[in-house]
Amino acid sequence: EYKYTPNVIDQGFYWLIEGNLDFFRYEDGNKQDVFLIKSGPRLILGEFKNSFFDYTELGIYPRFKFNNGKSPFIFDQVVDNKVIEFFIKQRIYKPIAIQFSGEFNLEDNTSNEDKLINPAIEISWNRRAYKIALNYNFDTEVGGLKFNIFAFNFDGLGEKF
């Protein structure tokens, strides 16, 4: 019955809450403390059973970072302190689904061209035992091929002889 997904899909409206606290210490005495909070709704409709448009997933998560201190490295400095993360996944036909995700920057000093961060697209071929996906990030101009294998009731390698 579930030909296109490895598990039963729990449909409904959910609320995600995520928090993270990081303490970075550097050899030169600099430090950076970061508190991240993200919370928002997630909606899942459909069971991935029928042939056409039988699954939709939508998530919108406002994310805030609070930073104390400074990193000695430019690449390690906390940026994008106020964003809204979003994604939408839609099943198109039988095993084919498409997903788009990104972040909308809410910082005041950001130009209109830089408001959309990390827009990415993924096209996947979904089966009960595996998933093959092509993905591409428009900001980094990096793409790839992802292959997942799903196990059924696997609970270890078994007992030793």
Protein backbone atom coordinates (compact mmCIF):
# COMPACT_ATOMS: atom_id res chain seq x y z
CA GLU A 1 0.00 0.00 0.00
CA TYR A 2 2.90 2.39 0.72
CA LYS A 3 4.81 2.01 -2.53
CA TYR A 4 6.35 5.51 -2.55
CA THR A 5 7.31 6.07 1.09
CA PRO A 6 9.19 3.98 3.71
CA ASN A 7 6.77 4.85 6.52
CA VAL A 8 3.23 5.94 7.26
CA ILE A 9 2.90 9.71 6.91
CA ASP A 10 1.51 11.54 9.92
CA GLN A 11 -0.69 14.24 8.43
CA GLY A 12 -1.58 17.35 10.31
CA PHE A 13 -0.50 20.68 11.66
CA TYR A 14 2.65 20.73 13.82
CA TRP A 15 4.63 23.38 15.63
CA LEU A 16 8.43 23.21 15.57
CA ILE A 17 10.51 24.71 18.38
CA GLU A 18 14.29 24.63 18.20
CA GLY A 19 16.90 26.25 20.37
CA ASN A 20 20.66 26.17 20.29
CA LEU A 21 23.38 27.67 22.48
CA ASP A 22 27.00 27.74 21.24
CA PHE A 23 30.12 28.95 23.01
CA PHE A 24 33.14 29.51 20.75
CA ARG A 25 36.57 30.18 22.27
CA TYR A 26 39.63 31.08 20.19
CA GLU A 27 43.36 30.84 20.94
CA ASP A 28 43.85 34.61 20.63
CA GLY A 29 41.41 35.25 23.50
CA ASN A 30 38.40 36.21 21.37
CA LYS A 31 35.11 34.54 22.06
CA GLN A 32 31.69 34.33 20.49
CA ASP A 33 28.51 33.17 22.21
CA VAL A 34 25.46 32.47 20.06
CA PHE A 35 21.87 31.75 21.07
CA LEU A 36 19.53 30.60 18.29
CA ILE A 37 15.76 30.23 18.54
CA LYS A 38 13.53 28.99 15.75
CA SER A 39 9.82 28.28 15.91
CA GLY A 40 6.99 27.96 13.45
CA PRO A 41 4.26 25.90 11.80
CA ARG A 42 4.57 22.79 9.64
CA LEU A 43 1.63 21.44 7.64
CA ILE A 44 1.55 17.96 6.09
CA LEU A 45 -1.32 16.90 3.83
CA GLY A 46 -1.61 13.65 1.88
CA GLU A 47 -0.35 10.10 2.20
CA PHE A 48 1.91 9.64 -0.84
CA LYS A 49 -0.32 6.75 -2.03
CA ASN A 50 -2.30 8.01 -5.03
CA SER A 51 -0.83 8.94 -8.40
CA PHE A 52 -1.21 12.74 -8.56
CA PHE A 53 -0.48 15.51 -6.04
CA ASP A 54 -1.16 13.30 -3.01
CA TYR A 55 1.35 14.96 -0.70
CA THR A 56 2.08 18.55 0.27
CA GLU A 57 4.39 19.71 3.05
CA LEU A 58 4.86 23.35 4.00
CA GLY A 59 7.04 24.87 6.72
CA ILE A 60 7.65 28.47 7.79
CA TYR A 61 10.10 29.05 10.63
CA PRO A 62 11.17 32.50 11.89
CA ARG A 63 14.75 32.21 13.21
CA PHE A 64 16.62 34.64 15.45
CA LYS A 65 20.29 34.58 16.48
CA PHE A 66 21.65 36.58 19.38
CA ASN A 67 25.40 37.07 19.32
CA ASN A 68 27.83 38.18 22.01
CA GLY A 69 31.50 38.66 21.10
CA LYS A 70 33.38 38.45 17.83
CA SER A 71 35.22 35.78 15.89
CA PRO A 72 38.77 36.46 14.65
CA PHE A 73 37.73 34.83 11.36
CA ILE A 74 35.44 36.50 8.81
CA PHE A 75 33.93 33.16 7.72
CA ASP A 76 33.06 32.27 11.33
CA GLN A 77 31.30 35.52 12.28
CA VAL A 78 27.56 35.17 12.93
CA VAL A 79 25.47 36.73 10.16
CA ASP A 80 21.82 36.66 9.10
CA ASN A 81 20.52 37.16 12.63
CA LYS A 82 16.84 37.56 11.62
CA VAL A 83 15.48 35.31 8.88
CA ILE A 84 12.40 33.30 8.00
CA GLU A 85 13.22 29.78 6.85
CA PHE A 86 10.67 28.21 4.49
CA PHE A 87 10.17 25.12 2.40
CA ILE A 88 7.49 23.49 0.33
CA LYS A 89 7.48 19.91 -0.90
CA GLN A 90 4.93 18.74 -3.44
CA ARG A 91 4.40 15.34 -4.93
CA ILE A 92 3.90 15.69 -8.66
CA TYR A 93 3.24 12.24 -10.14
CA LYS A 94 3.69 8.77 -8.64
CA PRO A 95 7.30 8.65 -7.24
CA ILE A 96 8.30 12.16 -8.37
CA ALA A 97 8.33 15.05 -5.88
CA ILE A 98 9.79 18.54 -5.95
CA GLN A 99 10.96 20.65 -3.01
CA PHE A 100 11.95 24.30 -2.80
CA SER A 101 13.54 25.86 0.28
CA GLY A 102 15.27 29.05 1.28
CA GLU A 103 15.54 31.81 3.82
CA PHE A 104 14.16 35.33 3.68
CA ASN A 105 16.51 37.84 5.34
CA LEU A 106 14.77 40.38 7.61
CA GLU A 107 17.88 42.46 8.39
CA ASP A 108 17.40 46.21 7.74
CA ASN A 109 20.79 46.69 6.10
CA THR A 110 20.19 44.02 3.42
CA SER A 111 19.60 45.02 -0.19
CA ASN A 112 16.57 43.66 -2.04
CA GLU A 113 18.82 41.40 -4.15
CA ASP A 114 20.20 39.77 -0.99
CA LYS A 115 16.87 39.18 0.77
CA LEU A 116 16.53 35.58 -0.48
CA ILE A 117 19.29 33.40 1.00
CA ASN A 118 20.21 29.84 0.03
CA PRO A 119 17.36 29.15 -2.39
CA ALA A 120 17.54 25.46 -3.23
CA ILE A 121 15.52 23.02 -5.30
CA GLU A 122 15.33 19.24 -5.08
CA ILE A 123 13.66 16.80 -7.45
CA SER A 124 13.32 13.31 -6.04
CA TRP A 125 12.31 9.82 -7.13
CA ASN A 126 10.74 8.19 -4.05
CA ARG A 127 10.22 4.51 -3.40
CA ARG A 128 9.57 2.54 -0.24
CA ALA A 129 13.14 1.15 -0.06
CA TYR A 130 15.11 4.08 -1.51
CA LYS A 131 15.11 7.71 -2.64
CA ILE A 132 17.20 9.33 -5.37
CA ALA A 133 17.31 13.13 -5.46
CA LEU A 134 18.93 15.81 -7.59
CA ASN A 135 19.48 19.08 -5.74
CA TYR A 136 20.85 22.52 -6.55
CA ASN A 137 21.57 25.59 -4.40
CA PHE A 138 21.26 28.80 -6.42
CA ASP A 139 23.45 30.91 -4.06
CA THR A 140 26.42 28.57 -3.86
CA GLU A 141 25.84 27.18 -7.37
CA VAL A 142 26.40 23.70 -5.99
CA GLY A 143 24.30 20.70 -6.89
CA GLY A 144 24.42 17.01 -6.31
CA LEU A 145 22.89 13.59 -6.39
CA LYS A 146 21.64 12.09 -3.13
CA PHE A 147 20.80 8.44 -2.60
CA ASN A 148 19.02 7.17 0.54
CA ILE A 149 18.39 3.54 1.43
CA PHE A 150 15.66 2.88 3.99
CA ALA A 151 15.82 -0.14 6.30
CA PHE A 152 12.79 -2.02 7.55
CA ASN A 153 12.82 -2.87 11.26
CA PHE A 154 16.62 -3.07 11.29
CA ASP A 155 17.75 -3.33 14.88
CA GLY A 156 21.46 -3.98 14.69
CA LEU A 157 23.77 -6.52 13.18
CA GLY A 158 22.48 -9.35 15.33
CA GLU A 159 24.18 -11.39 17.99
CA LYS A 160 27.82 -12.43 17.83
CA PHE A 161 28.63 -16.10 17.33
